[in-house]
Amino acid sequence: MKFLLFAAAIAAIWWILKSGRLPASGMSAREAASILGIADDADIETVVDAHRKLIAKVHPDTGGTPELAARVNQARDVLLARISQQRT
């Protein structure tokens, strides 16, 4: 299971690098890290793990709202984009 999450994160980063653009979210990396409850300088595995745990709680299928789930997904995307930019 952990491998699949890591593979999904790598696929997202690959898409961002291939497209040459970042998600236009208006969310800062600090705000995104705060939403996921992790440090600003977290690595990919930490981001993916925090996202997985939080989305399980706020997903509409488990009693959350679509807006909360979208915000959590946006936070993940912002942090993964920042990490991919730092590696290039």
PDB file of N, CA and C in Angstrom:
ATOM      1  N   MET A   1       0.820  -1.185   0.000  1.00  0.00           N
ATOM      2  CA  MET A   1       0.000   0.000   0.000  1.00  0.00           C
ATOM      3  C   MET A   1       0.872   1.260   0.000  1.00  0.00           C
ATOM      4  N   LYS A   2       1.904   1.277   0.830  1.00  0.00           N
ATOM      5  CA  LYS A   2       2.797   2.429   0.891  1.00  0.00           C
ATOM      6  C   LYS A   2       3.471   2.673  -0.455  1.00  0.00           C
ATOM      7  N   PHE A   3       3.818   1.584  -1.144  1.00  0.00           N
ATOM      8  CA  PHE A   3       4.447   1.693  -2.453  1.00  0.00           C
ATOM      9  C   PHE A   3       3.506   2.360  -3.450  1.00  0.00           C
ATOM     10  N   LEU A   4       2.215   2.005  -3.414  1.00  0.00           N
ATOM     11  CA  LEU A   4       1.253   2.597  -4.338  1.00  0.00           C
ATOM     12  C   LEU A   4       1.096   4.097  -4.099  1.00  0.00           C
ATOM     13  N   LEU A   5       1.085   4.510  -2.842  1.00  0.00           N
ATOM     14  CA  LEU A   5       0.991   5.928  -2.532  1.00  0.00           C
ATOM     15  C   LEU A   5       2.232   6.675  -3.005  1.00  0.00           C
ATOM     16  N   PHE A   6       3.382   6.065  -2.793  1.00  0.00           N
ATOM     17  CA  PHE A   6       4.628   6.672  -3.244  1.00  0.00           C
ATOM     18  C   PHE A   6       4.642   6.768  -4.769  1.00  0.00           C
ATOM     19  N   ALA A   7       4.163   5.729  -5.444  1.00  0.00           N
ATOM     20  CA  ALA A   7       4.110   5.735  -6.904  1.00  0.00           C
ATOM     21  C   ALA A   7       3.165   6.824  -7.406  1.00  0.00           C
ATOM     22  N   ALA A   8       2.052   7.030  -6.708  1.00  0.00           N
ATOM     23  CA  ALA A   8       1.113   8.081  -7.094  1.00  0.00           C
ATOM     24  C   ALA A   8       1.756   9.461  -6.948  1.00  0.00           C
ATOM     25  N   ALA A   9       2.534   9.638  -5.881  1.00  0.00           N
ATOM     26  CA  ALA A   9       3.216  10.914  -5.678  1.00  0.00           C
ATOM     27  C   ALA A   9       4.241  11.152  -6.781  1.00  0.00           C
ATOM     28  N   ILE A  10       4.970  10.133  -7.135  1.00  0.00           N
ATOM     29  CA  ILE A  10       5.968  10.250  -8.202  1.00  0.00           C
ATOM     30  C   ILE A  10       5.279  10.567  -9.531  1.00  0.00           C
ATOM     31  N   ALA A  11       4.139   9.926  -9.790  1.00  0.00           N
ATOM     32  CA  ALA A  11       3.396  10.193 -11.021  1.00  0.00           C
ATOM     33  C   ALA A  11       2.924  11.640 -11.075  1.00  0.00           C
ATOM     34  N   ALA A  12       2.484  12.166  -9.931  1.00  0.00           N
ATOM     35  CA  ALA A  12       2.039  13.562  -9.885  1.00  0.00           C
ATOM     36  C   ALA A  12       3.202  14.503 -10.163  1.00  0.00           C
ATOM     37  N   ILE A  13       4.339  14.211  -9.577  1.00  0.00           N
ATOM     38  CA  ILE A  13       5.521  15.042  -9.805  1.00  0.00           C
ATOM     39  C   ILE A  13       5.957  14.963 -11.262  1.00  0.00           C
ATOM     40  N   TRP A  14       5.919  13.774 -11.831  1.00  0.00           N
ATOM     41  CA  TRP A  14       6.289  13.606 -13.231  1.00  0.00           C
ATOM     42  C   TRP A  14       5.378  14.433 -14.125  1.00  0.00           C
ATOM     43  N   TRP A  15       4.078  14.425 -13.852  1.00  0.00           N
ATOM     44  CA  TRP A  15       3.132  15.195 -14.644  1.00  0.00           C
ATOM     45  C   TRP A  15       3.444  16.684 -14.546  1.00  0.00           C
ATOM     46  N   ILE A  16       3.738  17.146 -13.347  1.00  0.00           N
ATOM     47  CA  ILE A  16       4.042  18.560 -13.151  1.00  0.00           C
ATOM     48  C   ILE A  16       5.307  18.939 -13.917  1.00  0.00           C
ATOM     49  N   LEU A  17       6.329  18.108 -13.833  1.00  0.00           N
ATOM     50  CA  LEU A  17       7.579  18.396 -14.544  1.00  0.00           C
ATOM     51  C   LEU A  17       7.381  18.353 -16.052  1.00  0.00           C
ATOM     52  N   LYS A  18       6.607  17.379 -16.526  1.00  0.00           N
ATOM     53  CA  LYS A  18       6.373  17.241 -17.959  1.00  0.00           C
ATOM     54  C   LYS A  18       5.574  18.418 -18.500  1.00  0.00           C
ATOM     55  N   SER A  19       4.571  18.846 -17.750  1.00  0.00           N
ATOM     56  CA  SER A  19       3.728  19.946 -18.223  1.00  0.00           C
ATOM     57  C   SER A  19       4.430  21.296 -18.092  1.00  0.00           C
ATOM     58  N   GLY A  20       5.413  21.370 -17.192  1.00  0.00           N
ATOM     59  CA  GLY A  20       6.160  22.600 -17.020  1.00  0.00           C
ATOM     60  C   GLY A  20       5.393  23.694 -16.308  1.00  0.00           C
ATOM     61  N   ARG A  21       4.349  23.318 -15.601  1.00  0.00           N
ATOM     62  CA  ARG A  21       3.591  24.330 -14.878  1.00  0.00           C
ATOM     63  C   ARG A  21       3.215  23.832 -13.500  1.00  0.00           C
ATOM     64  N   LEU A  22       2.965  24.751 -12.645  1.00  0.00           N
ATOM     65  CA  LEU A  22       2.575  24.428 -11.279  1.00  0.00           C
ATOM     66  C   LEU A  22       1.079  24.652 -11.114  1.00  0.00           C
ATOM     67  N   PRO A  23       0.477  23.971 -10.160  1.00  0.00           N
ATOM     68  CA  PRO A  23      -0.939  24.236  -9.913  1.00  0.00           C
ATOM     69  C   PRO A  23      -1.139  25.692  -9.496  1.00  0.00           C
ATOM     70  N   ALA A  24      -2.085  26.355 -10.104  1.00  0.00           N
ATOM     71  CA  ALA A  24      -2.369  27.753  -9.777  1.00  0.00           C
ATOM     72  C   ALA A  24      -3.358  27.785  -8.621  1.00  0.00           C
ATOM     73  N   SER A  25      -2.843  27.725  -7.422  1.00  0.00           N
ATOM     74  CA  SER A  25      -3.730  27.566  -6.284  1.00  0.00           C
ATOM     75  C   SER A  25      -3.832  28.806  -5.424  1.00  0.00           C
ATOM     76  N   GLY A  26      -2.789  29.613  -5.384  1.00  0.00           N
ATOM     77  CA  GLY A  26      -2.787  30.746  -4.488  1.00  0.00           C
ATOM     78  C   GLY A  26      -2.484  30.352  -3.054  1.00  0.00           C
ATOM     79  N   MET A  27      -2.229  29.085  -2.813  1.00  0.00           N
ATOM     80  CA  MET A  27      -1.918  28.590  -1.473  1.00  0.00           C
ATOM     81  C   MET A  27      -0.401  28.541  -1.322  1.00  0.00           C
ATOM     82  N   SER A  28       0.093  29.061  -0.218  1.00  0.00           N
ATOM     83  CA  SER A  28       1.530  29.018   0.025  1.00  0.00           C
ATOM     84  C   SER A  28       1.929  27.640   0.555  1.00  0.00           C
ATOM     85  N   ALA A  29       3.205  27.340   0.446  1.00  0.00           N
ATOM     86  CA  ALA A  29       3.708  26.064   0.955  1.00  0.00           C
ATOM     87  C   ALA A  29       3.540  25.996   2.472  1.00  0.00           C
ATOM     88  N   ARG A  30       3.702  27.110   3.139  1.00  0.00           N
ATOM     89  CA  ARG A  30       3.530  27.141   4.604  1.00  0.00           C
ATOM     90  C   ARG A  30       2.083  26.830   4.978  1.00  0.00           C
ATOM     91  N   GLU A  31       1.143  27.418   4.252  1.00  0.00           N
ATOM     92  CA  GLU A  31      -0.274  27.157   4.508  1.00  0.00           C
ATOM     93  C   GLU A  31      -0.616  25.699   4.208  1.00  0.00           C
ATOM     94  N   ALA A  32      -0.070  25.172   3.112  1.00  0.00           N
ATOM     95  CA  ALA A  32      -0.321  23.776   2.748  1.00  0.00           C
ATOM     96  C   ALA A  32       0.217  22.830   3.814  1.00  0.00           C
ATOM     97  N   ALA A  33       1.414  23.102   4.300  1.00  0.00           N
ATOM     98  CA  ALA A  33       1.996  22.265   5.350  1.00  0.00           C
ATOM     99  C   ALA A  33       1.170  22.339   6.620  1.00  0.00           C
ATOM    100  N   SER A  34       0.656  23.512   6.918  1.00  0.00           N
ATOM    101  CA  SER A  34      -0.186  23.688   8.099  1.00  0.00           C
ATOM    102  C   SER A  34      -1.471  22.878   7.982  1.00  0.00           C
ATOM    103  N   ILE A  35      -2.068  22.864   6.814  1.00  0.00           N
ATOM    104  CA  ILE A  35      -3.293  22.095   6.593  1.00  0.00           C
ATOM    105  C   ILE A  35      -3.039  20.609   6.817  1.00  0.00           C
ATOM    106  N   LEU A  36      -1.906  20.118   6.311  1.00  0.00           N
ATOM    107  CA  LEU A  36      -1.584  18.695   6.464  1.00  0.00           C
ATOM    108  C   LEU A  36      -0.975  18.374   7.823  1.00  0.00           C
ATOM    109  N   GLY A  37      -0.623  19.404   8.578  1.00  0.00           N
ATOM    110  CA  GLY A  37      -0.063  19.190   9.905  1.00  0.00           C
ATOM    111  C   GLY A  37       1.357  18.660   9.894  1.00  0.00           C
ATOM    112  N   ILE A  38       2.159  19.141   8.936  1.00  0.00           N
ATOM    113  CA  ILE A  38       3.539  18.690   8.814  1.00  0.00           C
ATOM    114  C   ILE A  38       4.465  19.901   8.744  1.00  0.00           C
ATOM    115  N   ALA A  39       5.764  19.651   8.797  1.00  0.00           N
ATOM    116  CA  ALA A  39       6.764  20.716   8.711  1.00  0.00           C
ATOM    117  C   ALA A  39       6.827  21.268   7.285  1.00  0.00           C
ATOM    118  N   ASP A  40       7.265  22.506   7.173  1.00  0.00           N
ATOM    119  CA  ASP A  40       7.379  23.147   5.862  1.00  0.00           C
ATOM    120  C   ASP A  40       8.347  22.426   4.930  1.00  0.00           C
ATOM    121  N   ASP A  41       9.358  21.807   5.500  1.00  0.00           N
ATOM    122  CA  ASP A  41      10.391  21.158   4.690  1.00  0.00           C
ATOM    123  C   ASP A  41      10.225  19.639   4.640  1.00  0.00           C
ATOM    124  N   ALA A  42       8.997  19.149   4.712  1.00  0.00           N
ATOM    125  CA  ALA A  42       8.730  17.710   4.709  1.00  0.00           C
ATOM    126  C   ALA A  42       9.107  17.086   3.369  1.00  0.00           C
ATOM    127  N   ASP A  43       9.451  15.797   3.414  1.00  0.00           N
ATOM    128  CA  ASP A  43       9.787  15.083   2.184  1.00  0.00           C
ATOM    129  C   ASP A  43       8.523  14.466   1.567  1.00  0.00           C
ATOM    130  N   ILE A  44       8.689  13.834   0.411  1.00  0.00           N
ATOM    131  CA  ILE A  44       7.554  13.288  -0.332  1.00  0.00           C
ATOM    132  C   ILE A  44       6.773  12.271   0.496  1.00  0.00           C
ATOM    133  N   GLU A  45       7.469  11.354   1.125  1.00  0.00           N
ATOM    134  CA  GLU A  45       6.784  10.317   1.895  1.00  0.00           C
ATOM    135  C   GLU A  45       5.957  10.912   3.034  1.00  0.00           C
ATOM    136  N   THR A  46       6.477  11.931   3.691  1.00  0.00           N
ATOM    137  CA  THR A  46       5.751  12.578   4.779  1.00  0.00           C
ATOM    138  C   THR A  46       4.502  13.270   4.255  1.00  0.00           C
ATOM    139  N   VAL A  47       4.615  13.951   3.123  1.00  0.00           N
ATOM    140  CA  VAL A  47       3.472  14.637   2.520  1.00  0.00           C
ATOM    141  C   VAL A  47       2.392  13.626   2.147  1.00  0.00           C
ATOM    142  N   VAL A  48       2.789  12.564   1.472  1.00  0.00           N
ATOM    143  CA  VAL A  48       1.827  11.562   1.024  1.00  0.00           C
ATOM    144  C   VAL A  48       1.166  10.877   2.212  1.00  0.00           C
ATOM    145  N   ASP A  49       1.938  10.553   3.222  1.00  0.00           N
ATOM    146  CA  ASP A  49       1.383   9.880   4.403  1.00  0.00           C
ATOM    147  C   ASP A  49       0.410  10.787   5.147  1.00  0.00           C
ATOM    148  N   ALA A  50       0.774  12.051   5.329  1.00  0.00           N
ATOM    149  CA  ALA A  50      -0.109  12.997   6.016  1.00  0.00           C
ATOM    150  C   ALA A  50      -1.393  13.213   5.212  1.00  0.00           C
ATOM    151  N   HIS A  51      -1.250  13.306   3.897  1.00  0.00           N
ATOM    152  CA  HIS A  51      -2.423  13.474   3.030  1.00  0.00           C
ATOM    153  C   HIS A  51      -3.353  12.273   3.157  1.00  0.00           C
ATOM    154  N   ARG A  52      -2.790  11.079   3.108  1.00  0.00           N
ATOM    155  CA  ARG A  52      -3.601   9.862   3.180  1.00  0.00           C
ATOM    156  C   ARG A  52      -4.398   9.802   4.474  1.00  0.00           C
ATOM    157  N   LYS A  53      -3.744  10.124   5.584  1.00  0.00           N
ATOM    158  CA  LYS A  53      -4.420  10.068   6.883  1.00  0.00           C
ATOM    159  C   LYS A  53      -5.516  11.122   6.987  1.00  0.00           C
ATOM    160  N   LEU A  54      -5.239  12.327   6.512  1.00  0.00           N
ATOM    161  CA  LEU A  54      -6.215  13.400   6.638  1.00  0.00           C
ATOM    162  C   LEU A  54      -7.378  13.223   5.672  1.00  0.00           C
ATOM    163  N   ILE A  55      -7.109  12.796   4.459  1.00  0.00           N
ATOM    164  CA  ILE A  55      -8.185  12.647   3.476  1.00  0.00           C
ATOM    165  C   ILE A  55      -9.145  11.531   3.898  1.00  0.00           C
ATOM    166  N   ALA A  56      -8.648  10.551   4.625  1.00  0.00           N
ATOM    167  CA  ALA A  56      -9.530   9.494   5.131  1.00  0.00           C
ATOM    168  C   ALA A  56     -10.559  10.066   6.105  1.00  0.00           C
ATOM    169  N   LYS A  57     -10.213  11.132   6.785  1.00  0.00           N
ATOM    170  CA  LYS A  57     -11.126  11.748   7.756  1.00  0.00           C
ATOM    171  C   LYS A  57     -12.077  12.754   7.117  1.00  0.00           C
ATOM    172  N   VAL A  58     -11.633  13.468   6.085  1.00  0.00           N
ATOM    173  CA  VAL A  58     -12.441  14.566   5.541  1.00  0.00           C
ATOM    174  C   VAL A  58     -13.096  14.231   4.201  1.00  0.00           C
ATOM    175  N   HIS A  59     -12.897  13.039   3.678  1.00  0.00           N
ATOM    176  CA  HIS A  59     -13.492  12.652   2.395  1.00  0.00           C
ATOM    177  C   HIS A  59     -15.013  12.613   2.511  1.00  0.00           C
ATOM    178  N   PRO A  60     -15.727  13.042   1.488  1.00  0.00           N
ATOM    179  CA  PRO A  60     -17.188  13.033   1.547  1.00  0.00           C
ATOM    180  C   PRO A  60     -17.796  11.647   1.827  1.00  0.00           C
ATOM    181  N   ASP A  61     -17.141  10.600   1.407  1.00  0.00           N
ATOM    182  CA  ASP A  61     -17.656   9.250   1.648  1.00  0.00           C
ATOM    183  C   ASP A  61     -17.577   8.850   3.113  1.00  0.00           C
ATOM    184  N   THR A  62     -16.764   9.558   3.881  1.00  0.00           N
ATOM    185  CA  THR A  62     -16.624   9.229   5.302  1.00  0.00           C
ATOM    186  C   THR A  62     -17.186  10.329   6.203  1.00  0.00           C
ATOM    187  N   GLY A  63     -18.051  11.164   5.650  1.00  0.00           N
ATOM    188  CA  GLY A  63     -18.706  12.190   6.454  1.00  0.00           C
ATOM    189  C   GLY A  63     -18.134  13.580   6.332  1.00  0.00           C
ATOM    190  N   GLY A  64     -17.092  13.743   5.532  1.00  0.00           N
ATOM    191  CA  GLY A  64     -16.515  15.066   5.323  1.00  0.00           C
ATOM    192  C   GLY A  64     -17.250  15.812   4.224  1.00  0.00           C
ATOM    193  N   THR A  65     -16.685  16.923   3.803  1.00  0.00           N
ATOM    194  CA  THR A  65     -17.305  17.704   2.739  1.00  0.00           C
ATOM    195  C   THR A  65     -16.395  17.752   1.520  1.00  0.00           C
ATOM    196  N   PRO A  66     -16.982  17.949   0.351  1.00  0.00           N
ATOM    197  CA  PRO A  66     -16.150  18.067  -0.857  1.00  0.00           C
ATOM    198  C   PRO A  66     -15.156  19.224  -0.771  1.00  0.00           C
ATOM    199  N   GLU A  67     -15.556  20.313  -0.113  1.00  0.00           N
ATOM    200  CA  GLU A  67     -14.669  21.464   0.005  1.00  0.00           C
ATOM    201  C   GLU A  67     -13.433  21.141   0.843  1.00  0.00           C
ATOM    202  N   LEU A  68     -13.632  20.440   1.949  1.00  0.00           N
ATOM    203  CA  LEU A  68     -12.489  20.058   2.791  1.00  0.00           C
ATOM    204  C   LEU A  68     -11.564  19.102   2.047  1.00  0.00           C
ATOM    205  N   ALA A  69     -12.152  18.130   1.365  1.00  0.00           N
ATOM    206  CA  ALA A  69     -11.337  17.175   0.612  1.00  0.00           C
ATOM    207  C   ALA A  69     -10.544  17.880  -0.481  1.00  0.00           C
ATOM    208  N   ALA A  70     -11.176  18.840  -1.157  1.00  0.00           N
ATOM    209  CA  ALA A  70     -10.482  19.581  -2.208  1.00  0.00           C
ATOM    210  C   ALA A  70      -9.337  20.394  -1.632  1.00  0.00           C
ATOM    211  N   ARG A  71      -9.539  20.984  -0.469  1.00  0.00           N
ATOM    212  CA  ARG A  71      -8.491  21.789   0.178  1.00  0.00           C
ATOM    213  C   ARG A  71      -7.302  20.917   0.571  1.00  0.00           C
ATOM    214  N   VAL A  72      -7.585  19.721   1.093  1.00  0.00           N
ATOM    215  CA  VAL A  72      -6.511  18.797   1.477  1.00  0.00           C
ATOM    216  C   VAL A  72      -5.747  18.343   0.227  1.00  0.00           C
ATOM    217  N   ASN A  73      -6.465  18.034  -0.836  1.00  0.00           N
ATOM    218  CA  ASN A  73      -5.806  17.636  -2.082  1.00  0.00           C
ATOM    219  C   ASN A  73      -4.969  18.778  -2.648  1.00  0.00           C
ATOM    220  N   GLN A  74      -5.477  19.989  -2.550  1.00  0.00           N
ATOM    221  CA  GLN A  74      -4.740  21.161  -3.030  1.00  0.00           C
ATOM    222  C   GLN A  74      -3.451  21.351  -2.226  1.00  0.00           C
ATOM    223  N   ALA A  75      -3.531  21.149  -0.929  1.00  0.00           N
ATOM    224  CA  ALA A  75      -2.337  21.273  -0.080  1.00  0.00           C
ATOM    225  C   ALA A  75      -1.289  20.255  -0.497  1.00  0.00           C
ATOM    226  N   ARG A  76      -1.717  19.024  -0.751  1.00  0.00           N
ATOM    227  CA  ARG A  76      -0.783  17.993  -1.207  1.00  0.00           C
ATOM    228  C   ARG A  76      -0.125  18.402  -2.516  1.00  0.00           C
ATOM    229  N   ASP A  77      -0.918  18.882  -3.460  1.00  0.00           N
ATOM    230  CA  ASP A  77      -0.384  19.266  -4.769  1.00  0.00           C
ATOM    231  C   ASP A  77       0.630  20.398  -4.663  1.00  0.00           C
ATOM    232  N   VAL A  78       0.351  21.377  -3.824  1.00  0.00           N
ATOM    233  CA  VAL A  78       1.265  22.507  -3.647  1.00  0.00           C
ATOM    234  C   VAL A  78       2.602  22.024  -3.088  1.00  0.00           C
ATOM    235  N   LEU A  79       2.550  21.168  -2.085  1.00  0.00           N
ATOM    236  CA  LEU A  79       3.799  20.692  -1.473  1.00  0.00           C
ATOM    237  C   LEU A  79       4.581  19.784  -2.419  1.00  0.00           C
ATOM    238  N   LEU A  80       3.892  18.925  -3.146  1.00  0.00           N
ATOM    239  CA  LEU A  80       4.605  18.060  -4.095  1.00  0.00           C
ATOM    240  C   LEU A  80       5.232  18.882  -5.221  1.00  0.00           C
ATOM    241  N   ALA A  81       4.548  19.941  -5.641  1.00  0.00           N
ATOM    242  CA  ALA A  81       5.111  20.814  -6.675  1.00  0.00           C
ATOM    243  C   ALA A  81       6.349  21.529  -6.148  1.00  0.00           C
ATOM    244  N   ARG A  82       6.301  21.985  -4.908  1.00  0.00           N
ATOM    245  CA  ARG A  82       7.458  22.660  -4.307  1.00  0.00           C
ATOM    246  C   ARG A  82       8.643  21.703  -4.216  1.00  0.00           C
ATOM    247  N   ILE A  83       8.392  20.487  -3.809  1.00  0.00           N
ATOM    248  CA  ILE A  83       9.461  19.489  -3.700  1.00  0.00           C
ATOM    249  C   ILE A  83      10.058  19.207  -5.064  1.00  0.00           C
ATOM    250  N   SER A  84       9.215  19.087  -6.081  1.00  0.00           N
ATOM    251  CA  SER A  84       9.741  18.792  -7.414  1.00  0.00           C
ATOM    252  C   SER A  84      10.563  19.954  -7.955  1.00  0.00           C
ATOM    253  N   GLN A  85      10.181  21.192  -7.627  1.00  0.00           N
ATOM    254  CA  GLN A  85      10.953  22.356  -8.069  1.00  0.00           C
ATOM    255  C   GLN A  85      12.311  22.404  -7.383  1.00  0.00           C
ATOM    256  N   GLN A  86      12.357  21.995  -6.136  1.00  0.00           N
ATOM    257  CA  GLN A  86      13.615  22.020  -5.401  1.00  0.00           C
ATOM    258  C   GLN A  86      14.596  20.986  -5.947  1.00  0.00           C
ATOM    259  N   ARG A  87      14.086  19.920  -6.499  1.00  0.00           N
ATOM    260  CA  ARG A  87      14.948  18.864  -7.017  1.00  0.00           C
ATOM    261  C   ARG A  87      15.507  19.168  -8.389  1.00  0.00           C
ATOM    262  N   THR A  88      14.922  20.140  -9.081  1.00  0.00           N
ATOM    263  CA  THR A  88      15.423  20.447 -10.433  1.00  0.00           C
ATOM    264  C   THR A  88      16.411  21.569 -10.410  1.00  0.00           C
TER     265      THR A  88
END
